Amino acid sequence: MSAPPSWLEVRAASRVSDEFLAHLGAGEREAILLAQEVSADWLILDDYEGRQAAARRHLPVLGTLRVLDEAPARGLIKLAEIVASLQQTTFYLSPKLAEWLLDRDSKRPRLQ
């Protein structure tokens, strides 16, 4: 991220290995360990196996699309722009789901 927002705090977990998480990628593994360490309110994970591992540790997990579904109603993002940007990356978002999210967003009241 070339220009992170001022509220963003980047932290590393104190521990980066756990034999029960060895099957996960390094990012998922560290995210789970850090979430445990700081007693995170939420852990944003999209990887299925990572979500399962976090659930076994009773961590509250939600996915990127859930966050993006809520953000426009709070005036934080313009969903159509974000969906268009996501579609230019390797993030998989089916056309049907993208259409559903945009339709849902267009019908939702906005916070002022």
PDB file of N, CA and C in Angstrom:
ATOM      1  N   MET A   1       0.858  -1.160   0.000  1.00  0.00           N
ATOM      2  CA  MET A   1       0.000   0.000   0.000  1.00  0.00           C
ATOM      3  C   MET A   1       0.906   1.224   0.000  1.00  0.00           C
ATOM      4  N   SER A   2       0.790   2.018  -1.034  1.00  0.00           N
ATOM      5  CA  SER A   2       1.693   3.157  -1.176  1.00  0.00           C
ATOM      6  C   SER A   2       1.362   4.311  -0.236  1.00  0.00           C
ATOM      7  N   ALA A   3       0.094   4.518   0.089  1.00  0.00           N
ATOM      8  CA  ALA A   3      -0.291   5.613   0.984  1.00  0.00           C
ATOM      9  C   ALA A   3      -1.353   5.111   1.960  1.00  0.00           C
ATOM     10  N   PRO A   4      -0.927   4.400   3.006  1.00  0.00           N
ATOM     11  CA  PRO A   4      -1.913   3.874   3.956  1.00  0.00           C
ATOM     12  C   PRO A   4      -2.609   4.998   4.730  1.00  0.00           C
ATOM     13  N   PRO A   5      -3.865   4.773   5.113  1.00  0.00           N
ATOM     14  CA  PRO A   5      -4.572   5.790   5.902  1.00  0.00           C
ATOM     15  C   PRO A   5      -3.913   5.953   7.274  1.00  0.00           C
ATOM     16  N   SER A   6      -4.085   7.109   7.862  1.00  0.00           N
ATOM     17  CA  SER A   6      -3.426   7.411   9.132  1.00  0.00           C
ATOM     18  C   SER A   6      -3.876   6.503  10.268  1.00  0.00           C
ATOM     19  N   TRP A   7      -5.087   5.945  10.175  1.00  0.00           N
ATOM     20  CA  TRP A   7      -5.586   5.091  11.243  1.00  0.00           C
ATOM     21  C   TRP A   7      -5.051   3.663  11.167  1.00  0.00           C
ATOM     22  N   LEU A   8      -4.394   3.305  10.089  1.00  0.00           N
ATOM     23  CA  LEU A   8      -3.916   1.947   9.901  1.00  0.00           C
ATOM     24  C   LEU A   8      -2.673   1.684  10.736  1.00  0.00           C
ATOM     25  N   GLU A   9      -2.733   0.640  11.532  1.00  0.00           N
ATOM     26  CA  GLU A   9      -1.591   0.221  12.337  1.00  0.00           C
ATOM     27  C   GLU A   9      -1.158  -1.156  11.846  1.00  0.00           C
ATOM     28  N   VAL A  10       0.073  -1.265  11.400  1.00  0.00           N
ATOM     29  CA  VAL A  10       0.607  -2.539  10.926  1.00  0.00           C
ATOM     30  C   VAL A  10       1.338  -3.198  12.081  1.00  0.00           C
ATOM     31  N   ARG A  11       0.945  -4.432  12.380  1.00  0.00           N
ATOM     32  CA  ARG A  11       1.559  -5.159  13.495  1.00  0.00           C
ATOM     33  C   ARG A  11       1.863  -6.579  13.057  1.00  0.00           C
ATOM     34  N   ALA A  12       2.863  -7.139  13.656  1.00  0.00           N
ATOM     35  CA  ALA A  12       3.197  -8.543  13.440  1.00  0.00           C
ATOM     36  C   ALA A  12       2.843  -9.311  14.707  1.00  0.00           C
ATOM     37  N   ALA A  13       2.477 -10.550  14.537  1.00  0.00           N
ATOM     38  CA  ALA A  13       2.211 -11.401  15.692  1.00  0.00           C
ATOM     39  C   ALA A  13       3.526 -11.688  16.412  1.00  0.00           C
ATOM     40  N   SER A  14       3.472 -11.850  17.723  1.00  0.00           N
ATOM     41  CA  SER A  14       4.675 -12.183  18.490  1.00  0.00           C
ATOM     42  C   SER A  14       5.190 -13.555  18.083  1.00  0.00           C
ATOM     43  N   ARG A  15       4.268 -14.435  17.809  1.00  0.00           N
ATOM     44  CA  ARG A  15       4.578 -15.808  17.415  1.00  0.00           C
ATOM     45  C   ARG A  15       4.163 -15.986  15.968  1.00  0.00           C
ATOM     46  N   VAL A  16       4.952 -16.624  15.157  1.00  0.00           N
ATOM     47  CA  VAL A  16       4.558 -16.800  13.760  1.00  0.00           C
ATOM     48  C   VAL A  16       4.436 -18.264  13.358  1.00  0.00           C
ATOM     49  N   SER A  17       4.591 -19.167  14.321  1.00  0.00           N
ATOM     50  CA  SER A  17       4.399 -20.570  13.980  1.00  0.00           C
ATOM     51  C   SER A  17       3.500 -21.234  15.005  1.00  0.00           C
ATOM     52  N   ASP A  18       2.799 -22.220  14.518  1.00  0.00           N
ATOM     53  CA  ASP A  18       1.887 -23.006  15.342  1.00  0.00           C
ATOM     54  C   ASP A  18       1.663 -24.295  14.566  1.00  0.00           C
ATOM     55  N   GLU A  19       2.015 -25.414  15.154  1.00  0.00           N
ATOM     56  CA  GLU A  19       1.933 -26.676  14.415  1.00  0.00           C
ATOM     57  C   GLU A  19       0.536 -26.975  13.896  1.00  0.00           C
ATOM     58  N   PHE A  20      -0.483 -26.480  14.559  1.00  0.00           N
ATOM     59  CA  PHE A  20      -1.855 -26.741  14.129  1.00  0.00           C
ATOM     60  C   PHE A  20      -2.287 -25.838  12.971  1.00  0.00           C
ATOM     61  N   LEU A  21      -1.453 -24.851  12.645  1.00  0.00           N
ATOM     62  CA  LEU A  21      -1.741 -23.951  11.529  1.00  0.00           C
ATOM     63  C   LEU A  21      -0.742 -24.124  10.385  1.00  0.00           C
ATOM     64  N   ALA A  22       0.114 -25.118  10.482  1.00  0.00           N
ATOM     65  CA  ALA A  22       1.191 -25.312   9.505  1.00  0.00           C
ATOM     66  C   ALA A  22       0.663 -25.525   8.085  1.00  0.00           C
ATOM     67  N   HIS A  23      -0.555 -26.002   7.945  1.00  0.00           N
ATOM     68  CA  HIS A  23      -1.133 -26.262   6.612  1.00  0.00           C
ATOM     69  C   HIS A  23      -1.600 -24.991   5.917  1.00  0.00           C
ATOM     70  N   LEU A  24      -1.614 -23.885   6.638  1.00  0.00           N
ATOM     71  CA  LEU A  24      -2.086 -22.610   6.079  1.00  0.00           C
ATOM     72  C   LEU A  24      -0.917 -21.820   5.492  1.00  0.00           C
ATOM     73  N   GLY A  25      -1.249 -20.853   4.665  1.00  0.00           N
ATOM     74  CA  GLY A  25      -0.247 -19.931   4.163  1.00  0.00           C
ATOM     75  C   GLY A  25       0.242 -19.041   5.299  1.00  0.00           C
ATOM     76  N   ALA A  26       1.402 -18.438   5.093  1.00  0.00           N
ATOM     77  CA  ALA A  26       2.003 -17.595   6.127  1.00  0.00           C
ATOM     78  C   ALA A  26       1.093 -16.444   6.536  1.00  0.00           C
ATOM     79  N   GLY A  27       0.396 -15.828   5.572  1.00  0.00           N
ATOM     80  CA  GLY A  27      -0.491 -14.700   5.881  1.00  0.00           C
ATOM     81  C   GLY A  27      -1.667 -15.097   6.740  1.00  0.00           C
ATOM     82  N   GLU A  28      -2.321 -16.198   6.385  1.00  0.00           N
ATOM     83  CA  GLU A  28      -3.455 -16.673   7.174  1.00  0.00           C
ATOM     84  C   GLU A  28      -2.999 -17.076   8.572  1.00  0.00           C
ATOM     85  N   ARG A  29      -1.863 -17.772   8.630  1.00  0.00           N
ATOM     86  CA  ARG A  29      -1.332 -18.236   9.919  1.00  0.00           C
ATOM     87  C   ARG A  29      -1.053 -17.053  10.847  1.00  0.00           C
ATOM     88  N   GLU A  30      -0.351 -16.039  10.326  1.00  0.00           N
ATOM     89  CA  GLU A  30      -0.021 -14.898  11.175  1.00  0.00           C
ATOM     90  C   GLU A  30      -1.258 -14.085  11.544  1.00  0.00           C
ATOM     91  N   ALA A  31      -2.197 -13.963  10.621  1.00  0.00           N
ATOM     92  CA  ALA A  31      -3.435 -13.225  10.926  1.00  0.00           C
ATOM     93  C   ALA A  31      -4.186 -13.889  12.080  1.00  0.00           C
ATOM     94  N   ILE A  32      -4.274 -15.200  12.062  1.00  0.00           N
ATOM     95  CA  ILE A  32      -4.964 -15.928  13.134  1.00  0.00           C
ATOM     96  C   ILE A  32      -4.231 -15.749  14.457  1.00  0.00           C
ATOM     97  N   LEU A  33      -2.913 -15.898  14.426  1.00  0.00           N
ATOM     98  CA  LEU A  33      -2.137 -15.747  15.663  1.00  0.00           C
ATOM     99  C   LEU A  33      -2.230 -14.330  16.219  1.00  0.00           C
ATOM    100  N   LEU A  34      -2.179 -13.321  15.345  1.00  0.00           N
ATOM    101  CA  LEU A  34      -2.295 -11.938  15.799  1.00  0.00           C
ATOM    102  C   LEU A  34      -3.699 -11.662  16.344  1.00  0.00           C
ATOM    103  N   ALA A  35      -4.718 -12.168  15.683  1.00  0.00           N
ATOM    104  CA  ALA A  35      -6.093 -11.981  16.164  1.00  0.00           C
ATOM    105  C   ALA A  35      -6.259 -12.565  17.563  1.00  0.00           C
ATOM    106  N   GLN A  36      -5.659 -13.721  17.798  1.00  0.00           N
ATOM    107  CA  GLN A  36      -5.710 -14.307  19.141  1.00  0.00           C
ATOM    108  C   GLN A  36      -4.960 -13.432  20.146  1.00  0.00           C
ATOM    109  N   GLU A  37      -3.793 -12.989  19.739  1.00  0.00           N
ATOM    110  CA  GLU A  37      -2.920 -12.212  20.622  1.00  0.00           C
ATOM    111  C   GLU A  37      -3.581 -10.915  21.088  1.00  0.00           C
ATOM    112  N   VAL A  38      -4.272 -10.237  20.187  1.00  0.00           N
ATOM    113  CA  VAL A  38      -4.866  -8.940  20.532  1.00  0.00           C
ATOM    114  C   VAL A  38      -6.346  -9.031  20.878  1.00  0.00           C
ATOM    115  N   SER A  39      -6.886 -10.256  20.901  1.00  0.00           N
ATOM    116  CA  SER A  39      -8.326 -10.462  21.143  1.00  0.00           C
ATOM    117  C   SER A  39      -9.140  -9.605  20.177  1.00  0.00           C
ATOM    118  N   ALA A  40      -8.872  -9.794  18.901  1.00  0.00           N
ATOM    119  CA  ALA A  40      -9.521  -8.996  17.858  1.00  0.00           C
ATOM    120  C   ALA A  40     -11.037  -9.142  17.885  1.00  0.00           C
ATOM    121  N   ASP A  41     -11.722  -8.048  17.599  1.00  0.00           N
ATOM    122  CA  ASP A  41     -13.178  -8.090  17.484  1.00  0.00           C
ATOM    123  C   ASP A  41     -13.587  -8.914  16.269  1.00  0.00           C
ATOM    124  N   TRP A  42     -12.829  -8.777  15.177  1.00  0.00           N
ATOM    125  CA  TRP A  42     -13.101  -9.504  13.934  1.00  0.00           C
ATOM    126  C   TRP A  42     -11.800  -9.836  13.242  1.00  0.00           C
ATOM    127  N   LEU A  43     -11.815 -10.940  12.525  1.00  0.00           N
ATOM    128  CA  LEU A  43     -10.696 -11.344  11.687  1.00  0.00           C
ATOM    129  C   LEU A  43     -11.231 -11.466  10.268  1.00  0.00           C
ATOM    130  N   ILE A  44     -10.660 -10.721   9.355  1.00  0.00           N
ATOM    131  CA  ILE A  44     -11.111 -10.767   7.959  1.00  0.00           C
ATOM    132  C   ILE A  44     -10.255 -11.798   7.228  1.00  0.00           C
ATOM    133  N   LEU A  45     -10.899 -12.879   6.821  1.00  0.00           N
ATOM    134  CA  LEU A  45     -10.224 -13.969   6.114  1.00  0.00           C
ATOM    135  C   LEU A  45     -11.134 -14.469   5.008  1.00  0.00           C
ATOM    136  N   ASP A  46     -10.572 -14.708   3.848  1.00  0.00           N
ATOM    137  CA  ASP A  46     -11.340 -15.272   2.744  1.00  0.00           C
ATOM    138  C   ASP A  46     -10.985 -16.732   2.478  1.00  0.00           C
ATOM    139  N   ASP A  47      -9.783 -17.138   2.837  1.00  0.00           N
ATOM    140  CA  ASP A  47      -9.329 -18.502   2.612  1.00  0.00           C
ATOM    141  C   ASP A  47     -10.171 -19.490   3.426  1.00  0.00           C
ATOM    142  N   TYR A  48     -10.748 -20.483   2.743  1.00  0.00           N
ATOM    143  CA  TYR A  48     -11.657 -21.425   3.409  1.00  0.00           C
ATOM    144  C   TYR A  48     -10.976 -22.154   4.568  1.00  0.00           C
ATOM    145  N   GLU A  49      -9.798 -22.702   4.317  1.00  0.00           N
ATOM    146  CA  GLU A  49      -9.113 -23.439   5.380  1.00  0.00           C
ATOM    147  C   GLU A  49      -8.725 -22.524   6.536  1.00  0.00           C
ATOM    148  N   GLY A  50      -8.346 -21.289   6.215  1.00  0.00           N
ATOM    149  CA  GLY A  50      -8.034 -20.318   7.254  1.00  0.00           C
ATOM    150  C   GLY A  50      -9.254 -19.990   8.097  1.00  0.00           C
ATOM    151  N   ARG A  51     -10.403 -19.845   7.441  1.00  0.00           N
ATOM    152  CA  ARG A  51     -11.655 -19.557   8.172  1.00  0.00           C
ATOM    153  C   ARG A  51     -12.010 -20.714   9.102  1.00  0.00           C
ATOM    154  N   GLN A  52     -11.808 -21.930   8.611  1.00  0.00           N
ATOM    155  CA  GLN A  52     -12.097 -23.110   9.434  1.00  0.00           C
ATOM    156  C   GLN A  52     -11.172 -23.167  10.649  1.00  0.00           C
ATOM    157  N   ALA A  53      -9.890 -22.905  10.440  1.00  0.00           N
ATOM    158  CA  ALA A  53      -8.922 -22.908  11.541  1.00  0.00           C
ATOM    159  C   ALA A  53      -9.254 -21.826  12.563  1.00  0.00           C
ATOM    160  N   ALA A  54      -9.635 -20.647  12.089  1.00  0.00           N
ATOM    161  CA  ALA A  54     -10.005 -19.552  12.994  1.00  0.00           C
ATOM    162  C   ALA A  54     -11.268 -19.912  13.779  1.00  0.00           C
ATOM    163  N   ALA A  55     -12.224 -20.525  13.120  1.00  0.00           N
ATOM    164  CA  ALA A  55     -13.464 -20.924  13.797  1.00  0.00           C
ATOM    165  C   ALA A  55     -13.174 -21.947  14.898  1.00  0.00           C
ATOM    166  N   ARG A  56     -12.237 -22.863  14.644  1.00  0.00           N
ATOM    167  CA  ARG A  56     -11.872 -23.849  15.681  1.00  0.00           C
ATOM    168  C   ARG A  56     -11.272 -23.168  16.901  1.00  0.00           C
ATOM    169  N   ARG A  57     -10.733 -21.981  16.706  1.00  0.00           N
ATOM    170  CA  ARG A  57     -10.164 -21.206  17.821  1.00  0.00           C
ATOM    171  C   ARG A  57     -11.156 -20.179  18.359  1.00  0.00           C
ATOM    172  N   HIS A  58     -12.377 -20.279  17.891  1.00  0.00           N
ATOM    173  CA  HIS A  58     -13.465 -19.401  18.338  1.00  0.00           C
ATOM    174  C   HIS A  58     -13.202 -17.925  18.048  1.00  0.00           C
ATOM    175  N   LEU A  59     -12.534 -17.671  16.924  1.00  0.00           N
ATOM    176  CA  LEU A  59     -12.301 -16.290  16.501  1.00  0.00           C
ATOM    177  C   LEU A  59     -13.453 -15.849  15.602  1.00  0.00           C
ATOM    178  N   PRO A  60     -13.943 -14.645  15.799  1.00  0.00           N
ATOM    179  CA  PRO A  60     -15.023 -14.141  14.937  1.00  0.00           C
ATOM    180  C   PRO A  60     -14.462 -13.756  13.561  1.00  0.00           C
ATOM    181  N   VAL A  61     -14.947 -14.428  12.528  1.00  0.00           N
ATOM    182  CA  VAL A  61     -14.406 -14.257  11.185  1.00  0.00           C
ATOM    183  C   VAL A  61     -15.471 -13.713  10.246  1.00  0.00           C
ATOM    184  N   LEU A  62     -15.053 -12.837   9.369  1.00  0.00           N
ATOM    185  CA  LEU A  62     -15.905 -12.426   8.254  1.00  0.00           C
ATOM    186  C   LEU A  62     -15.025 -12.236   7.041  1.00  0.00           C
ATOM    187  N   GLY A  63     -15.656 -12.270   5.882  1.00  0.00           N
ATOM    188  CA  GLY A  63     -14.915 -12.177   4.638  1.00  0.00           C
ATOM    189  C   GLY A  63     -14.888 -10.760   4.086  1.00  0.00           C
ATOM    190  N   THR A  64     -14.018 -10.574   3.128  1.00  0.00           N
ATOM    191  CA  THR A  64     -13.863  -9.284   2.479  1.00  0.00           C
ATOM    192  C   THR A  64     -15.179  -8.774   1.911  1.00  0.00           C
ATOM    193  N   LEU A  65     -15.935  -9.658   1.271  1.00  0.00           N
ATOM    194  CA  LEU A  65     -17.194  -9.218   0.658  1.00  0.00           C
ATOM    195  C   LEU A  65     -18.209  -8.766   1.693  1.00  0.00           C
ATOM    196  N   ARG A  66     -18.187  -9.330   2.868  1.00  0.00           N
ATOM    197  CA  ARG A  66     -19.087  -8.887   3.940  1.00  0.00           C
ATOM    198  C   ARG A  66     -18.732  -7.462   4.357  1.00  0.00           C
ATOM    199  N   VAL A  67     -17.449  -7.195   4.466  1.00  0.00           N
ATOM    200  CA  VAL A  67     -16.990  -5.848   4.817  1.00  0.00           C
ATOM    201  C   VAL A  67     -17.407  -4.873   3.722  1.00  0.00           C
ATOM    202  N   LEU A  68     -17.173  -5.269   2.470  1.00  0.00           N
ATOM    203  CA  LEU A  68     -17.515  -4.382   1.351  1.00  0.00           C
ATOM    204  C   LEU A  68     -19.013  -4.199   1.214  1.00  0.00           C
ATOM    205  N   ASP A  69     -19.794  -5.169   1.654  1.00  0.00           N
ATOM    206  CA  ASP A  69     -21.250  -5.045   1.607  1.00  0.00           C
ATOM    207  C   ASP A  69     -21.754  -4.023   2.625  1.00  0.00           C
ATOM    208  N   GLU A  70     -21.082  -3.910   3.751  1.00  0.00           N
ATOM    209  CA  GLU A  70     -21.504  -2.990   4.813  1.00  0.00           C
ATOM    210  C   GLU A  70     -20.968  -1.565   4.627  1.00  0.00           C
ATOM    211  N   ALA A  71     -19.793  -1.425   4.068  1.00  0.00           N
ATOM    212  CA  ALA A  71     -19.110  -0.126   4.004  1.00  0.00           C
ATOM    213  C   ALA A  71     -19.866   0.969   3.265  1.00  0.00           C
ATOM    214  N   PRO A  72     -20.529   0.711   2.136  1.00  0.00           N
ATOM    215  CA  PRO A  72     -21.218   1.807   1.434  1.00  0.00           C
ATOM    216  C   PRO A  72     -22.364   2.417   2.242  1.00  0.00           C
ATOM    217  N   ALA A  73     -23.052   1.605   3.004  1.00  0.00           N
ATOM    218  CA  ALA A  73     -24.159   2.121   3.810  1.00  0.00           C
ATOM    219  C   ALA A  73     -23.663   3.085   4.876  1.00  0.00           C
ATOM    220  N   ARG A  74     -22.409   2.965   5.233  1.00  0.00           N
ATOM    221  CA  ARG A  74     -21.807   3.855   6.234  1.00  0.00           C
ATOM    222  C   ARG A  74     -21.076   5.025   5.585  1.00  0.00           C
ATOM    223  N   GLY A  75     -21.179   5.116   4.269  1.00  0.00           N
ATOM    224  CA  GLY A  75     -20.548   6.212   3.553  1.00  0.00           C
ATOM    225  C   GLY A  75     -19.037   6.084   3.444  1.00  0.00           C
ATOM    226  N   LEU A  76     -18.513   4.878   3.582  1.00  0.00           N
ATOM    227  CA  LEU A  76     -17.069   4.686   3.582  1.00  0.00           C
ATOM    228  C   LEU A  76     -16.483   4.442   2.189  1.00  0.00           C
ATOM    229  N   ILE A  77     -17.257   3.830   1.313  1.00  0.00           N
ATOM    230  CA  ILE A  77     -16.768   3.533  -0.039  1.00  0.00           C
ATOM    231  C   ILE A  77     -17.912   3.654  -1.036  1.00  0.00           C
ATOM    232  N   LYS A  78     -17.541   3.690  -2.291  1.00  0.00           N
ATOM    233  CA  LYS A  78     -18.507   3.586  -3.382  1.00  0.00           C
ATOM    234  C   LYS A  78     -18.339   2.184  -3.942  1.00  0.00           C
ATOM    235  N   LEU A  79     -19.310   1.328  -3.683  1.00  0.00           N
ATOM    236  CA  LEU A  79     -19.177  -0.087  -3.987  1.00  0.00           C
ATOM    237  C   LEU A  79     -18.905  -0.361  -5.461  1.00  0.00           C
ATOM    238  N   ALA A  80     -19.550   0.357  -6.354  1.00  0.00           N
ATOM    239  CA  ALA A  80     -19.347   0.116  -7.788  1.00  0.00           C
ATOM    240  C   ALA A  80     -17.879   0.308  -8.164  1.00  0.00           C
ATOM    241  N   GLU A  81     -17.227   1.304  -7.595  1.00  0.00           N
ATOM    242  CA  GLU A  81     -15.813   1.547  -7.882  1.00  0.00           C
ATOM    243  C   GLU A  81     -14.940   0.414  -7.343  1.00  0.00           C
ATOM    244  N   ILE A  82     -15.263  -0.037  -6.151  1.00  0.00           N
ATOM    245  CA  ILE A  82     -14.478  -1.099  -5.514  1.00  0.00           C
ATOM    246  C   ILE A  82     -14.655  -2.414  -6.268  1.00  0.00           C
ATOM    247  N   VAL A  83     -15.888  -2.724  -6.654  1.00  0.00           N
ATOM    248  CA  VAL A  83     -16.138  -3.952  -7.413  1.00  0.00           C
ATOM    249  C   VAL A  83     -15.368  -3.915  -8.730  1.00  0.00           C
ATOM    250  N   ALA A  84     -15.394  -2.785  -9.402  1.00  0.00           N
ATOM    251  CA  ALA A  84     -14.652  -2.651 -10.665  1.00  0.00           C
ATOM    252  C   ALA A  84     -13.155  -2.848 -10.428  1.00  0.00           C
ATOM    253  N   SER A  85     -12.638  -2.299  -9.360  1.00  0.00           N
ATOM    254  CA  SER A  85     -11.219  -2.478  -9.035  1.00  0.00           C
ATOM    255  C   SER A  85     -10.900  -3.931  -8.717  1.00  0.00           C
ATOM    256  N   LEU A  86     -11.758  -4.575  -7.929  1.00  0.00           N
ATOM    257  CA  LEU A  86     -11.541  -5.984  -7.583  1.00  0.00           C
ATOM    258  C   LEU A  86     -11.516  -6.865  -8.818  1.00  0.00           C
ATOM    259  N   GLN A  87     -12.359  -6.547  -9.777  1.00  0.00           N
ATOM    260  CA  GLN A  87     -12.440  -7.357 -10.988  1.00  0.00           C
ATOM    261  C   GLN A  87     -11.180  -7.236 -11.841  1.00  0.00           C
ATOM    262  N   GLN A  88     -10.316  -6.282 -11.532  1.00  0.00           N
ATOM    263  CA  GLN A  88      -9.054  -6.118 -12.249  1.00  0.00           C
ATOM    264  C   GLN A  88      -7.897  -6.821 -11.534  1.00  0.00           C
ATOM    265  N   THR A  89      -8.212  -7.532 -10.451  1.00  0.00           N
ATOM    266  CA  THR A  89      -7.188  -8.234  -9.669  1.00  0.00           C
ATOM    267  C   THR A  89      -7.416  -9.735  -9.764  1.00  0.00           C
ATOM    268  N   THR A  90      -6.677 -10.485  -8.970  1.00  0.00           N
ATOM    269  CA  THR A  90      -6.850 -11.936  -8.919  1.00  0.00           C
ATOM    270  C   THR A  90      -7.923 -12.353  -7.918  1.00  0.00           C
ATOM    271  N   PHE A  91      -8.550 -11.385  -7.229  1.00  0.00           N
ATOM    272  CA  PHE A  91      -9.627 -11.703  -6.285  1.00  0.00           C
ATOM    273  C   PHE A  91     -10.800 -12.252  -7.080  1.00  0.00           C
ATOM    274  N   TYR A  92     -11.278 -13.443  -6.706  1.00  0.00           N
ATOM    275  CA  TYR A  92     -12.378 -14.027  -7.462  1.00  0.00           C
ATOM    276  C   TYR A  92     -13.709 -13.498  -6.945  1.00  0.00           C
ATOM    277  N   LEU A  93     -14.474 -12.930  -7.843  1.00  0.00           N
ATOM    278  CA  LEU A  93     -15.815 -12.448  -7.560  1.00  0.00           C
ATOM    279  C   LEU A  93     -16.659 -12.805  -8.774  1.00  0.00           C
ATOM    280  N   SER A  94     -17.589 -13.731  -8.581  1.00  0.00           N
ATOM    281  CA  SER A  94     -18.393 -14.169  -9.719  1.00  0.00           C
ATOM    282  C   SER A  94     -19.244 -13.002 -10.227  1.00  0.00           C
ATOM    283  N   PRO A  95     -19.491 -12.954 -11.520  1.00  0.00           N
ATOM    284  CA  PRO A  95     -20.339 -11.886 -12.070  1.00  0.00           C
ATOM    285  C   PRO A  95     -21.716 -11.844 -11.404  1.00  0.00           C
ATOM    286  N   LYS A  96     -22.267 -13.005 -11.106  1.00  0.00           N
ATOM    287  CA  LYS A  96     -23.591 -13.065 -10.476  1.00  0.00           C
ATOM    288  C   LYS A  96     -23.556 -12.446  -9.070  1.00  0.00           C
ATOM    289  N   LEU A  97     -22.526 -12.749  -8.306  1.00  0.00           N
ATOM    290  CA  LEU A  97     -22.402 -12.179  -6.967  1.00  0.00           C
ATOM    291  C   LEU A  97     -22.135 -10.676  -7.040  1.00  0.00           C
ATOM    292  N   ALA A  98     -21.309 -10.252  -7.967  1.00  0.00           N
ATOM    293  CA  ALA A  98     -21.052  -8.816  -8.141  1.00  0.00           C
ATOM    294  C   ALA A  98     -22.350  -8.086  -8.453  1.00  0.00           C
ATOM    295  N   GLU A  99     -23.149  -8.643  -9.350  1.00  0.00           N
ATOM    296  CA  GLU A  99     -24.437  -8.034  -9.703  1.00  0.00           C
ATOM    297  C   GLU A  99     -25.353  -7.976  -8.495  1.00  0.00           C
ATOM    298  N   TRP A 100     -25.398  -9.045  -7.716  1.00  0.00           N
ATOM    299  CA  TRP A 100     -26.249  -9.084  -6.525  1.00  0.00           C
ATOM    300  C   TRP A 100     -25.820  -8.019  -5.519  1.00  0.00           C
ATOM    301  N   LEU A 101     -24.507  -7.900  -5.272  1.00  0.00           N
ATOM    302  CA  LEU A 101     -24.001  -6.896  -4.330  1.00  0.00           C
ATOM    303  C   LEU A 101     -24.352  -5.481  -4.785  1.00  0.00           C
ATOM    304  N   LEU A 102     -24.160  -5.195  -6.067  1.00  0.00           N
ATOM    305  CA  LEU A 102     -24.447  -3.857  -6.588  1.00  0.00           C
ATOM    306  C   LEU A 102     -25.933  -3.544  -6.563  1.00  0.00           C
ATOM    307  N   ASP A 103     -26.756  -4.528  -6.866  1.00  0.00           N
ATOM    308  CA  ASP A 103     -28.205  -4.332  -6.813  1.00  0.00           C
ATOM    309  C   ASP A 103     -28.652  -4.073  -5.376  1.00  0.00           C
ATOM    310  N   ARG A 104     -28.150  -4.870  -4.455  1.00  0.00           N
ATOM    311  CA  ARG A 104     -28.475  -4.699  -3.026  1.00  0.00           C
ATOM    312  C   ARG A 104     -28.036  -3.319  -2.553  1.00  0.00           C
ATOM    313  N   ASP A 105     -26.852  -2.900  -2.967  1.00  0.00           N
ATOM    314  CA  ASP A 105     -26.320  -1.602  -2.571  1.00  0.00           C
ATOM    315  C   ASP A 105     -27.181  -0.459  -3.103  1.00  0.00           C
ATOM    316  N   SER A 106     -27.673  -0.599  -4.321  1.00  0.00           N
ATOM    317  CA  SER A 106     -28.466   0.478  -4.932  1.00  0.00           C
ATOM    318  C   SER A 106     -29.804   0.690  -4.222  1.00  0.00           C
ATOM    319  N   LYS A 107     -30.269  -0.312  -3.500  1.00  0.00           N
ATOM    320  CA  LYS A 107     -31.567  -0.231  -2.820  1.00  0.00           C
ATOM    321  C   LYS A 107     -31.455   0.120  -1.345  1.00  0.00           C
ATOM    322  N   ARG A 108     -30.260   0.253  -0.845  1.00  0.00           N
ATOM    323  CA  ARG A 108     -30.039   0.452   0.575  1.00  0.00           C
ATOM    324  C   ARG A 108     -30.009   1.934   0.941  1.00  0.00           C
ATOM    325  N   PRO A 109     -30.628   2.304   2.050  1.00  0.00           N
ATOM    326  CA  PRO A 109     -30.521   3.702   2.498  1.00  0.00           C
ATOM    327  C   PRO A 109     -29.100   3.993   2.982  1.00  0.00           C
ATOM    328  N   ARG A 110     -28.683   5.215   2.874  1.00  0.00           N
ATOM    329  CA  ARG A 110     -27.337   5.631   3.262  1.00  0.00           C
ATOM    330  C   ARG A 110     -27.377   6.408   4.568  1.00  0.00           C
ATOM    331  N   LEU A 111     -26.326   6.213   5.390  1.00  0.00           N
ATOM    332  CA  LEU A 111     -26.170   7.041   6.586  1.00  0.00           C
ATOM    333  C   LEU A 111     -25.661   8.408   6.149  1.00  0.00           C
ATOM    334  N   GLN A 112     -26.105   9.425   6.815  1.00  0.00           N
ATOM    335  CA  GLN A 112     -25.655  10.785   6.476  1.00  0.00           C
ATOM    336  C   GLN A 112     -24.581  11.234   7.412  1.00  0.00           C
TER     337      GLN A 112
END
